[in-house]
Amino acid sequence: MKPMTDEQRKLAEENHDLVYKFLETNRLSINQYYDVVIFGYLYAVQEYCEKPALRKYSFGTVAWKKMSCALKD
């Protein structure tokens, strides 16, 4: 993962509650799974900012998908 830009940091901070919502919805322990899904979330932040084609979706949709994929890796 490369360093985040100011735009990416802002997006990540403003939407960080999605990580907790994802964990809660999927009944995953914060202590056990936060470290796993946060990387999917941060990857979503970078991709969303760098790939304009993703803007046709809400950021939440993209982040949710990437966090789900992180659990499978």
N, C-alpha and C. Protein backbone atom coordinates (compact mmCIF):
# COMPACT_ATOMS: atom_id res chain seq x y z
N MET A 1 0.85 -1.17 0.00
CA MET A 1 0.00 0.00 0.00
C MET A 1 0.90 1.24 0.00
N LYS A 2 0.57 2.17 -0.87
CA LYS A 2 1.37 3.39 -0.96
C LYS A 2 0.83 4.46 0.01
N PRO A 3 1.64 5.47 0.30
CA PRO A 3 1.17 6.54 1.20
C PRO A 3 -0.08 7.22 0.65
N MET A 4 -0.94 7.64 1.55
CA MET A 4 -2.21 8.27 1.16
C MET A 4 -2.02 9.76 0.91
N THR A 5 -2.80 10.27 -0.03
CA THR A 5 -2.81 11.71 -0.30
C THR A 5 -3.72 12.37 0.75
N ASP A 6 -3.70 13.69 0.77
CA ASP A 6 -4.58 14.42 1.69
C ASP A 6 -6.05 14.11 1.40
N GLU A 7 -6.41 14.04 0.12
CA GLU A 7 -7.77 13.72 -0.28
C GLU A 7 -8.17 12.33 0.23
N GLN A 8 -7.27 11.38 0.11
CA GLN A 8 -7.55 10.02 0.55
C GLN A 8 -7.67 9.95 2.08
N ARG A 9 -6.79 10.64 2.77
CA ARG A 9 -6.87 10.66 4.24
C ARG A 9 -8.19 11.24 4.71
N LYS A 10 -8.63 12.32 4.06
CA LYS A 10 -9.89 12.95 4.43
C LYS A 10 -11.06 12.00 4.20
N LEU A 11 -11.09 11.35 3.05
CA LEU A 11 -12.16 10.39 2.75
C LEU A 11 -12.16 9.25 3.77
N ALA A 12 -10.97 8.75 4.10
CA ALA A 12 -10.86 7.65 5.06
C ALA A 12 -11.37 8.08 6.44
N GLU A 13 -11.01 9.27 6.87
CA GLU A 13 -11.44 9.76 8.18
C GLU A 13 -12.95 9.99 8.23
N GLU A 14 -13.49 10.58 7.18
CA GLU A 14 -14.91 10.92 7.15
C GLU A 14 -15.83 9.69 7.11
N ASN A 15 -15.30 8.57 6.64
CA ASN A 15 -16.13 7.38 6.46
C ASN A 15 -15.70 6.19 7.31
N HIS A 16 -14.84 6.42 8.27
CA HIS A 16 -14.29 5.34 9.07
C HIS A 16 -15.37 4.53 9.80
N ASP A 17 -16.50 5.16 10.05
CA ASP A 17 -17.59 4.44 10.72
C ASP A 17 -18.09 3.25 9.89
N LEU A 18 -17.83 3.26 8.58
CA LEU A 18 -18.21 2.12 7.74
C LEU A 18 -17.50 0.83 8.17
N VAL A 19 -16.29 0.97 8.68
CA VAL A 19 -15.54 -0.21 9.13
C VAL A 19 -16.28 -0.86 10.29
N TYR A 20 -16.68 -0.05 11.26
CA TYR A 20 -17.40 -0.59 12.43
C TYR A 20 -18.77 -1.12 12.04
N LYS A 21 -19.44 -0.45 11.13
CA LYS A 21 -20.75 -0.90 10.65
C LYS A 21 -20.61 -2.26 9.95
N PHE A 22 -19.56 -2.40 9.14
CA PHE A 22 -19.30 -3.66 8.45
C PHE A 22 -19.08 -4.78 9.45
N LEU A 23 -18.25 -4.53 10.45
CA LEU A 23 -17.97 -5.55 11.46
C LEU A 23 -19.23 -5.92 12.23
N GLU A 24 -20.00 -4.92 12.61
CA GLU A 24 -21.23 -5.15 13.36
C GLU A 24 -22.25 -5.94 12.53
N THR A 25 -22.45 -5.52 11.30
CA THR A 25 -23.43 -6.17 10.42
C THR A 25 -23.08 -7.64 10.19
N ASN A 26 -21.80 -7.91 10.08
CA ASN A 26 -21.35 -9.28 9.82
C ASN A 26 -21.02 -10.06 11.09
N ARG A 27 -21.35 -9.45 12.23
CA ARG A 27 -21.13 -10.07 13.55
C ARG A 27 -19.70 -10.56 13.72
N LEU A 28 -18.77 -9.67 13.38
CA LEU A 28 -17.35 -9.97 13.50
C LEU A 28 -16.76 -9.21 14.68
N SER A 29 -15.93 -9.87 15.44
CA SER A 29 -15.28 -9.25 16.59
C SER A 29 -14.32 -8.14 16.13
N ILE A 30 -14.45 -6.98 16.74
CA ILE A 30 -13.55 -5.87 16.41
C ILE A 30 -12.11 -6.27 16.71
N ASN A 31 -11.91 -6.91 17.86
CA ASN A 31 -10.55 -7.31 18.26
C ASN A 31 -9.92 -8.30 17.28
N GLN A 32 -10.73 -9.15 16.71
CA GLN A 32 -10.20 -10.19 15.85
C GLN A 32 -10.14 -9.79 14.37
N TYR A 33 -11.06 -8.95 13.91
CA TYR A 33 -11.17 -8.71 12.48
C TYR A 33 -10.87 -7.28 12.01
N TYR A 34 -10.74 -6.34 12.93
CA TYR A 34 -10.48 -4.96 12.51
C TYR A 34 -9.23 -4.89 11.64
N ASP A 35 -8.15 -5.53 12.09
CA ASP A 35 -6.90 -5.49 11.34
C ASP A 35 -7.01 -6.10 9.95
N VAL A 36 -7.96 -6.99 9.77
CA VAL A 36 -8.15 -7.63 8.46
C VAL A 36 -8.93 -6.69 7.53
N VAL A 37 -10.08 -6.20 8.01
CA VAL A 37 -10.93 -5.42 7.12
C VAL A 37 -10.43 -4.00 6.88
N ILE A 38 -9.61 -3.46 7.79
CA ILE A 38 -9.14 -2.08 7.61
C ILE A 38 -8.30 -1.96 6.35
N PHE A 39 -7.57 -3.01 6.00
CA PHE A 39 -6.76 -2.93 4.78
C PHE A 39 -7.63 -2.92 3.53
N GLY A 40 -8.71 -3.67 3.54
CA GLY A 40 -9.66 -3.61 2.43
C GLY A 40 -10.27 -2.22 2.33
N TYR A 41 -10.60 -1.64 3.47
CA TYR A 41 -11.17 -0.30 3.53
C TYR A 41 -10.20 0.74 2.96
N LEU A 42 -8.96 0.69 3.40
CA LEU A 42 -7.97 1.67 2.93
C LEU A 42 -7.66 1.49 1.44
N TYR A 43 -7.67 0.25 0.99
CA TYR A 43 -7.50 -0.02 -0.44
C TYR A 43 -8.66 0.60 -1.22
N ALA A 44 -9.87 0.49 -0.68
CA ALA A 44 -11.04 1.09 -1.32
C ALA A 44 -10.91 2.60 -1.40
N VAL A 45 -10.40 3.21 -0.35
CA VAL A 45 -10.19 4.66 -0.33
C VAL A 45 -9.28 5.07 -1.48
N GLN A 46 -8.15 4.39 -1.59
CA GLN A 46 -7.20 4.74 -2.63
C GLN A 46 -7.77 4.50 -4.03
N GLU A 47 -8.40 3.39 -4.22
CA GLU A 47 -8.97 3.09 -5.54
C GLU A 47 -10.06 4.09 -5.91
N TYR A 48 -10.92 4.42 -4.96
CA TYR A 48 -12.02 5.33 -5.22
C TYR A 48 -11.52 6.71 -5.65
N CYS A 49 -10.44 7.13 -5.05
CA CYS A 49 -9.87 8.44 -5.40
C CYS A 49 -9.08 8.40 -6.71
N GLU A 50 -8.50 7.27 -7.02
CA GLU A 50 -7.63 7.17 -8.19
C GLU A 50 -8.33 6.69 -9.46
N LYS A 51 -9.50 6.08 -9.32
CA LYS A 51 -10.21 5.54 -10.48
C LYS A 51 -11.57 6.21 -10.60
N PRO A 52 -11.64 7.26 -11.41
CA PRO A 52 -12.90 8.00 -11.56
C PRO A 52 -14.10 7.12 -11.96
N ALA A 53 -13.87 6.03 -12.65
CA ALA A 53 -14.97 5.15 -13.06
C ALA A 53 -15.73 4.59 -11.86
N LEU A 54 -15.07 4.50 -10.71
CA LEU A 54 -15.74 3.98 -9.51
C LEU A 54 -16.72 4.97 -8.91
N ARG A 55 -16.64 6.22 -9.33
CA ARG A 55 -17.51 7.26 -8.76
C ARG A 55 -18.98 7.08 -9.14
N LYS A 56 -19.25 6.16 -10.07
CA LYS A 56 -20.65 5.90 -10.38
C LYS A 56 -21.33 5.13 -9.25
N TYR A 57 -20.51 4.59 -8.34
CA TYR A 57 -21.00 3.91 -7.15
C TYR A 57 -20.76 4.79 -5.93
N SER A 58 -21.51 4.56 -4.88
CA SER A 58 -21.23 5.29 -3.65
C SER A 58 -19.93 4.75 -3.06
N PHE A 59 -19.25 5.58 -2.29
CA PHE A 59 -18.02 5.10 -1.65
C PHE A 59 -18.32 3.92 -0.74
N GLY A 60 -19.44 3.98 -0.04
CA GLY A 60 -19.81 2.89 0.86
C GLY A 60 -19.92 1.55 0.16
N THR A 61 -20.46 1.55 -1.03
CA THR A 61 -20.59 0.32 -1.81
C THR A 61 -19.22 -0.25 -2.15
N VAL A 62 -18.33 0.60 -2.60
CA VAL A 62 -16.98 0.17 -2.96
C VAL A 62 -16.24 -0.33 -1.72
N ALA A 63 -16.33 0.40 -0.64
CA ALA A 63 -15.64 0.02 0.59
C ALA A 63 -16.16 -1.32 1.11
N TRP A 64 -17.47 -1.49 1.10
CA TRP A 64 -18.08 -2.73 1.60
C TRP A 64 -17.56 -3.93 0.81
N LYS A 65 -17.50 -3.76 -0.51
CA LYS A 65 -17.02 -4.85 -1.37
C LYS A 65 -15.56 -5.19 -1.05
N LYS A 66 -14.73 -4.17 -0.90
CA LYS A 66 -13.31 -4.40 -0.63
C LYS A 66 -13.11 -5.02 0.75
N MET A 67 -13.91 -4.61 1.73
CA MET A 67 -13.78 -5.22 3.06
C MET A 67 -14.22 -6.67 3.02
N SER A 68 -15.25 -6.98 2.24
CA SER A 68 -15.70 -8.37 2.10
C SER A 68 -14.60 -9.22 1.45
N CYS A 69 -13.97 -8.66 0.45
CA CYS A 69 -12.88 -9.38 -0.22
C CYS A 69 -11.69 -9.61 0.71
N ALA A 70 -11.43 -8.67 1.60
CA ALA A 70 -10.32 -8.78 2.53
C ALA A 70 -10.50 -9.99 3.46
N LEU A 71 -11.74 -10.31 3.76
CA LEU A 71 -12.01 -11.47 4.62
C LEU A 71 -11.70 -12.78 3.92
N LYS A 72 -11.76 -12.77 2.60
CA LYS A 72 -11.55 -13.99 1.82
C LYS A 72 -10.08 -14.24 1.52
N ASP A 73 -9.27 -13.21 1.61
CA ASP A 73 -7.84 -13.35 1.28
C ASP A 73 -7.06 -14.07 2.37
